[in-house]
Amino acid sequence: MTTTTSTQLFVGLGPLDRELVDPYLAENQQLVLDPTEEQLAVAEAAIVRAAFTVDAALLDRMPTLKVLARTGVGTDLVDVAEAQRRGIPVVITPGSNTVSVAEGVFAHLLSLVKRLPTLTCLVRGGRWNDRGAVTVGDLEGATLGVVGFGRIGRKVAQIAEAFDLQVRAYDPFADVPEQYRCAGIDELLEASDFVTLHLPLTAENHHLIDKSRLAGMRAGSILVNCSRGALIDLDAAHAAMQSGHLAGLGLDVFDPEPPAYHPVFDHANTVLSPHLMGFTDRAMALTIRAAVEGAVAVLDGRAPAAVAAS
């Protein structure tokens, strides 16, 4: 542990709950929420929430900063290369919301397969006798395609087996078990009744699921995205929903966030959530703890558990 007795200032960039941070700070460390310019100028650590942008201009305002700790793994809004150029590591918190996101995938998937939005409206509207016109499906015996096989993708596959789903998976970088492995994404899309995305956003996979890829999916399939909004071309998805080729769309993420209105939002077989599947109370507590502990480690001269690569 550091032996200095001077106060080390931590600043919150974005909304933070002090009660989740303070237990992991040393006596000489202090958290400031909504920091002033003067406090930014002397901050040694920053806890950065997902929707907060950290660029060179902000880093210029924090000349004494020694570490950025991002609550999550996505660094789309953090200039990691610039931070590293200045010798500031960007701590990330992989794994803290793995279970929450994976459960969120199945919340969306079950809602769509069981047609819960449609059935809710039917009962609420007093149209009980119309229930026979609604087709309700099952997970058992169907095939779930998992695109991206990192921590969350692996957890999704584990849960899928409990539902007796067949699992296919594709990831060009991760080690995918042979019984799941597809040679490419197009093979996976052709083989799957349901598809869930678990990829970081890169220039190469922007609109990975486009008109052509949607056409390659099985007719009547369901697509769920709890990863990054820009992985899906929403215009193409809307067209596929209108034609009936795509039977359901579950979205927890959007591009940008918050999203502008899109007509696919109004489709009866679309389920929407505002990027909250990974932000349960438990996951948030774990994420913030990991971020704070990573920042403290850096200030103490120790290696944090995980840092972002530029």
Foldseek 3Di string as FASTA:
>chain_A
DDPDQAAAEEEEQDDDDVVLQVVQDDPRYDYDYPDDLVSQCRHQEYEYEDVGAADPVSVVSRVNHAEYFYLAFACPRYPQVVCVVSNYFYHHAPPLLLVLLLVVQVVLVQCLQQLVLVVVCCVVVVNVVCVVVDDHHAQAPFEEEEEDCDSNSVVNVVVSVVSNHQAAYDDPPDDDDPSRYDPDPLVRQQRGQEYEYADHDDPVQQQVPALVSLVSHAFAHEYEYLHEARNHDVVSVQVCCVVRRHRAYEYQYHVPPVDDDDVSVPDSRYHYHPSCSSPDPSSSSSSSSLRSNCSVCSVVVHHRPDTDDD
